[in-house]
Amino acid sequence: MQERRKFGPLGWNTAPEFSSGDFACALQTLHMFLSGATTVVPGQGPGASIPWEALTYVTGQINYGGRVTDDNDRRLLMCILGQYYQPAVR
């Protein structure tokens, strides 16, 4: 534990330093996915052609994932994104 002190507060429950650039990139990714999914699938509502899993992965693992240093934090981030990136939030 003493050796861990020199690295500072990294890991679980540590606020990552997300920047406005990270947010802008996530918004651009969201816009790209939503504008690319204009197809309406017969028998299903609008938004059925949006690749929700891919959108969640790209935003969570690629856009923000590099700033998250702990597996539990990454898991939490993906769970939070999963609550918002789904067809029910239309």
N, C-alpha and C. Protein backbone atom coordinates (compact mmCIF):
# COMPACT_ATOMS: atom_id res chain seq x y z
N MET A 1 0.80 -1.19 0.00
CA MET A 1 0.00 0.00 0.00
C MET A 1 0.85 1.26 0.00
N GLN A 2 1.98 1.23 0.65
CA GLN A 2 2.84 2.40 0.71
C GLN A 2 3.35 2.77 -0.69
N GLU A 3 3.66 1.76 -1.49
CA GLU A 3 4.14 2.05 -2.84
C GLU A 3 3.06 2.69 -3.69
N ARG A 4 1.82 2.37 -3.42
CA ARG A 4 0.70 2.90 -4.20
C ARG A 4 0.54 4.40 -3.99
N ARG A 5 0.96 4.92 -2.87
CA ARG A 5 0.80 6.35 -2.57
C ARG A 5 1.49 7.25 -3.58
N LYS A 6 2.61 6.82 -4.11
CA LYS A 6 3.34 7.69 -5.03
C LYS A 6 2.59 7.91 -6.35
N PHE A 7 1.61 7.05 -6.64
CA PHE A 7 0.85 7.21 -7.87
C PHE A 7 -0.37 8.10 -7.70
N GLY A 8 -0.69 8.44 -6.48
CA GLY A 8 -1.84 9.31 -6.24
C GLY A 8 -3.15 8.55 -6.27
N PRO A 9 -4.25 9.27 -6.27
CA PRO A 9 -5.57 8.64 -6.21
C PRO A 9 -6.05 8.15 -7.58
N LEU A 10 -5.58 7.02 -8.00
CA LEU A 10 -6.02 6.43 -9.26
C LEU A 10 -7.00 5.31 -8.97
N GLY A 11 -7.96 5.11 -9.84
CA GLY A 11 -8.82 3.95 -9.72
C GLY A 11 -10.21 4.24 -9.21
N TRP A 12 -10.75 3.27 -8.55
CA TRP A 12 -12.15 3.26 -8.16
C TRP A 12 -12.59 4.55 -7.47
N ASN A 13 -13.65 5.10 -7.97
CA ASN A 13 -14.26 6.32 -7.44
C ASN A 13 -13.37 7.55 -7.57
N THR A 14 -12.45 7.54 -8.47
CA THR A 14 -11.64 8.71 -8.74
C THR A 14 -12.20 9.39 -9.98
N ALA A 15 -12.46 10.65 -9.88
CA ALA A 15 -13.04 11.38 -11.01
C ALA A 15 -12.01 11.50 -12.14
N PRO A 16 -12.30 10.90 -13.30
CA PRO A 16 -11.39 11.06 -14.43
C PRO A 16 -11.45 12.48 -14.96
N GLU A 17 -10.41 12.91 -15.60
CA GLU A 17 -10.35 14.27 -16.13
C GLU A 17 -10.87 14.30 -17.56
N PHE A 18 -12.20 14.23 -17.70
CA PHE A 18 -12.80 14.34 -19.01
C PHE A 18 -12.74 15.80 -19.45
N SER A 19 -12.40 16.02 -20.70
CA SER A 19 -12.28 17.38 -21.21
C SER A 19 -13.47 17.73 -22.10
N SER A 20 -13.55 18.98 -22.47
CA SER A 20 -14.61 19.39 -23.40
C SER A 20 -14.38 18.75 -24.77
N GLY A 21 -13.13 18.45 -25.09
CA GLY A 21 -12.83 17.75 -26.34
C GLY A 21 -13.38 16.33 -26.35
N ASP A 22 -13.32 15.66 -25.19
CA ASP A 22 -13.91 14.32 -25.07
C ASP A 22 -15.41 14.39 -25.30
N PHE A 23 -16.04 15.38 -24.70
CA PHE A 23 -17.49 15.55 -24.85
C PHE A 23 -17.85 15.86 -26.30
N ALA A 24 -17.09 16.74 -26.93
CA ALA A 24 -17.35 17.09 -28.33
C ALA A 24 -17.20 15.87 -29.24
N CYS A 25 -16.20 15.05 -28.96
CA CYS A 25 -15.99 13.83 -29.74
C CYS A 25 -17.15 12.86 -29.55
N ALA A 26 -17.64 12.73 -28.31
CA ALA A 26 -18.77 11.85 -28.04
C ALA A 26 -20.03 12.36 -28.74
N LEU A 27 -20.24 13.66 -28.74
CA LEU A 27 -21.40 14.23 -29.44
C LEU A 27 -21.30 14.02 -30.95
N GLN A 28 -20.12 14.18 -31.48
CA GLN A 28 -19.91 13.96 -32.92
C GLN A 28 -20.16 12.50 -33.28
N THR A 29 -19.72 11.59 -32.44
CA THR A 29 -19.96 10.17 -32.66
C THR A 29 -21.46 9.86 -32.61
N LEU A 30 -22.15 10.41 -31.61
CA LEU A 30 -23.59 10.22 -31.50
C LEU A 30 -24.30 10.75 -32.74
N HIS A 31 -23.94 11.93 -33.17
CA HIS A 31 -24.55 12.53 -34.37
C HIS A 31 -24.31 11.65 -35.59
N MET A 32 -23.10 11.14 -35.74
CA MET A 32 -22.75 10.29 -36.88
C MET A 32 -23.60 9.02 -36.89
N PHE A 33 -23.74 8.38 -35.73
CA PHE A 33 -24.52 7.14 -35.65
C PHE A 33 -26.00 7.41 -35.90
N LEU A 34 -26.53 8.49 -35.32
CA LEU A 34 -27.96 8.77 -35.47
C LEU A 34 -28.31 9.22 -36.88
N SER A 35 -27.47 10.03 -37.50
CA SER A 35 -27.77 10.48 -38.86
C SER A 35 -27.56 9.37 -39.88
N GLY A 36 -26.72 8.40 -39.56
CA GLY A 36 -26.49 7.28 -40.47
C GLY A 36 -27.57 6.23 -40.38
N ALA A 37 -28.41 6.29 -39.39
CA ALA A 37 -29.45 5.28 -39.18
C ALA A 37 -30.82 5.87 -39.48
N THR A 38 -31.04 6.26 -40.72
CA THR A 38 -32.31 6.87 -41.09
C THR A 38 -33.32 5.85 -41.58
N THR A 39 -32.92 4.61 -41.71
CA THR A 39 -33.81 3.57 -42.21
C THR A 39 -34.83 3.19 -41.14
N VAL A 40 -36.09 3.10 -41.55
CA VAL A 40 -37.14 2.64 -40.64
C VAL A 40 -37.39 1.17 -40.95
N VAL A 41 -37.24 0.32 -39.96
CA VAL A 41 -37.44 -1.11 -40.14
C VAL A 41 -38.94 -1.40 -40.06
N PRO A 42 -39.53 -2.06 -41.08
CA PRO A 42 -40.96 -2.35 -41.05
C PRO A 42 -41.34 -3.18 -39.82
N GLY A 43 -42.41 -2.79 -39.18
CA GLY A 43 -42.89 -3.51 -38.01
C GLY A 43 -42.20 -3.09 -36.72
N GLN A 44 -41.21 -2.21 -36.84
CA GLN A 44 -40.50 -1.72 -35.66
C GLN A 44 -40.52 -0.21 -35.70
N GLY A 45 -40.35 0.40 -34.59
CA GLY A 45 -40.39 1.84 -34.50
C GLY A 45 -39.13 2.49 -35.04
N PRO A 46 -39.13 3.82 -35.14
CA PRO A 46 -37.93 4.51 -35.55
C PRO A 46 -36.82 4.29 -34.53
N GLY A 47 -35.63 4.21 -34.99
CA GLY A 47 -34.50 3.96 -34.10
C GLY A 47 -34.11 2.51 -34.05
N ALA A 48 -34.90 1.64 -34.70
CA ALA A 48 -34.59 0.21 -34.68
C ALA A 48 -33.32 -0.10 -35.46
N SER A 49 -32.97 0.75 -36.42
CA SER A 49 -31.77 0.49 -37.22
C SER A 49 -30.51 1.10 -36.61
N ILE A 50 -30.63 1.76 -35.47
CA ILE A 50 -29.45 2.35 -34.81
C ILE A 50 -28.67 1.22 -34.13
N PRO A 51 -27.38 1.10 -34.41
CA PRO A 51 -26.57 0.06 -33.77
C PRO A 51 -26.20 0.46 -32.34
N TRP A 52 -27.12 0.25 -31.40
CA TRP A 52 -26.96 0.73 -30.03
C TRP A 52 -25.72 0.16 -29.36
N GLU A 53 -25.47 -1.13 -29.56
CA GLU A 53 -24.30 -1.75 -28.92
C GLU A 53 -23.01 -1.14 -29.44
N ALA A 54 -22.94 -0.91 -30.74
CA ALA A 54 -21.74 -0.31 -31.33
C ALA A 54 -21.56 1.13 -30.83
N LEU A 55 -22.65 1.87 -30.75
CA LEU A 55 -22.60 3.25 -30.26
C LEU A 55 -22.11 3.29 -28.82
N THR A 56 -22.62 2.39 -27.99
CA THR A 56 -22.20 2.31 -26.59
C THR A 56 -20.73 1.97 -26.49
N TYR A 57 -20.28 1.01 -27.29
CA TYR A 57 -18.88 0.59 -27.25
C TYR A 57 -17.95 1.73 -27.69
N VAL A 58 -18.28 2.37 -28.80
CA VAL A 58 -17.42 3.44 -29.31
C VAL A 58 -17.33 4.59 -28.31
N THR A 59 -18.46 4.98 -27.76
CA THR A 59 -18.44 6.09 -26.80
C THR A 59 -17.73 5.71 -25.51
N GLY A 60 -18.06 4.54 -24.97
CA GLY A 60 -17.51 4.15 -23.66
C GLY A 60 -16.08 3.68 -23.69
N GLN A 61 -15.73 2.86 -24.68
CA GLN A 61 -14.40 2.27 -24.70
C GLN A 61 -13.38 3.11 -25.48
N ILE A 62 -13.84 3.79 -26.52
CA ILE A 62 -12.91 4.52 -27.37
C ILE A 62 -12.85 6.00 -26.98
N ASN A 63 -14.02 6.68 -26.94
CA ASN A 63 -14.01 8.11 -26.62
C ASN A 63 -13.58 8.39 -25.18
N TYR A 64 -14.20 7.68 -24.23
CA TYR A 64 -13.93 7.95 -22.82
C TYR A 64 -13.04 6.90 -22.15
N GLY A 65 -12.94 5.73 -22.74
CA GLY A 65 -12.26 4.61 -22.10
C GLY A 65 -10.80 4.83 -21.78
N GLY A 66 -10.11 5.64 -22.55
CA GLY A 66 -8.69 5.89 -22.30
C GLY A 66 -8.45 6.70 -21.04
N ARG A 67 -9.45 7.39 -20.56
CA ARG A 67 -9.31 8.21 -19.35
C ARG A 67 -9.65 7.43 -18.08
N VAL A 68 -10.31 6.28 -18.24
CA VAL A 68 -10.74 5.48 -17.10
C VAL A 68 -9.65 4.45 -16.81
N THR A 69 -9.14 4.45 -15.59
CA THR A 69 -7.98 3.61 -15.26
C THR A 69 -8.34 2.32 -14.52
N ASP A 70 -9.56 2.18 -14.09
CA ASP A 70 -9.94 1.03 -13.27
C ASP A 70 -11.04 0.23 -13.97
N ASP A 71 -10.97 -1.09 -13.88
CA ASP A 71 -11.97 -1.94 -14.53
C ASP A 71 -13.37 -1.71 -13.97
N ASN A 72 -13.47 -1.48 -12.67
CA ASN A 72 -14.79 -1.22 -12.08
C ASN A 72 -15.36 0.11 -12.56
N ASP A 73 -14.51 1.11 -12.72
CA ASP A 73 -14.96 2.40 -13.26
C ASP A 73 -15.42 2.25 -14.70
N ARG A 74 -14.68 1.46 -15.47
CA ARG A 74 -15.04 1.24 -16.87
C ARG A 74 -16.37 0.51 -16.96
N ARG A 75 -16.55 -0.47 -16.09
CA ARG A 75 -17.82 -1.20 -16.06
C ARG A 75 -18.97 -0.27 -15.70
N LEU A 76 -18.76 0.61 -14.73
CA LEU A 76 -19.77 1.59 -14.35
C LEU A 76 -20.09 2.53 -15.51
N LEU A 77 -19.07 3.00 -16.18
CA LEU A 77 -19.27 3.88 -17.34
C LEU A 77 -20.12 3.20 -18.40
N MET A 78 -19.83 1.93 -18.70
CA MET A 78 -20.59 1.20 -19.71
C MET A 78 -22.04 0.98 -19.26
N CYS A 79 -22.25 0.75 -17.97
CA CYS A 79 -23.62 0.59 -17.45
C CYS A 79 -24.42 1.88 -17.57
N ILE A 80 -23.78 2.99 -17.26
CA ILE A 80 -24.45 4.29 -17.37
C ILE A 80 -24.80 4.58 -18.82
N LEU A 81 -23.86 4.34 -19.72
CA LEU A 81 -24.15 4.56 -21.14
C LEU A 81 -25.26 3.64 -21.62
N GLY A 82 -25.29 2.41 -21.12
CA GLY A 82 -26.33 1.47 -21.50
C GLY A 82 -27.72 1.91 -21.09
N GLN A 83 -27.81 2.71 -20.03
CA GLN A 83 -29.10 3.24 -19.59
C GLN A 83 -29.62 4.30 -20.56
N TYR A 84 -28.73 5.02 -21.20
CA TYR A 84 -29.12 6.11 -22.10
C TYR A 84 -29.11 5.72 -23.56
N TYR A 85 -28.20 4.85 -23.96
CA TYR A 85 -28.09 4.45 -25.35
C TYR A 85 -28.90 3.18 -25.58
N GLN A 86 -30.21 3.35 -25.71
CA GLN A 86 -31.11 2.25 -25.97
C GLN A 86 -32.35 2.81 -26.66
N PRO A 87 -33.09 1.96 -27.37
CA PRO A 87 -34.27 2.44 -28.12
C PRO A 87 -35.33 3.10 -27.25
N ALA A 88 -35.42 2.74 -25.99
CA ALA A 88 -36.49 3.26 -25.12
C ALA A 88 -36.33 4.76 -24.82
N VAL A 89 -35.17 5.36 -25.07
CA VAL A 89 -34.97 6.77 -24.73
C VAL A 89 -35.34 7.72 -25.86
N ARG A 90 -35.88 7.21 -26.95
CA ARG A 90 -36.26 8.06 -28.07
C ARG A 90 -37.13 9.16 -27.64
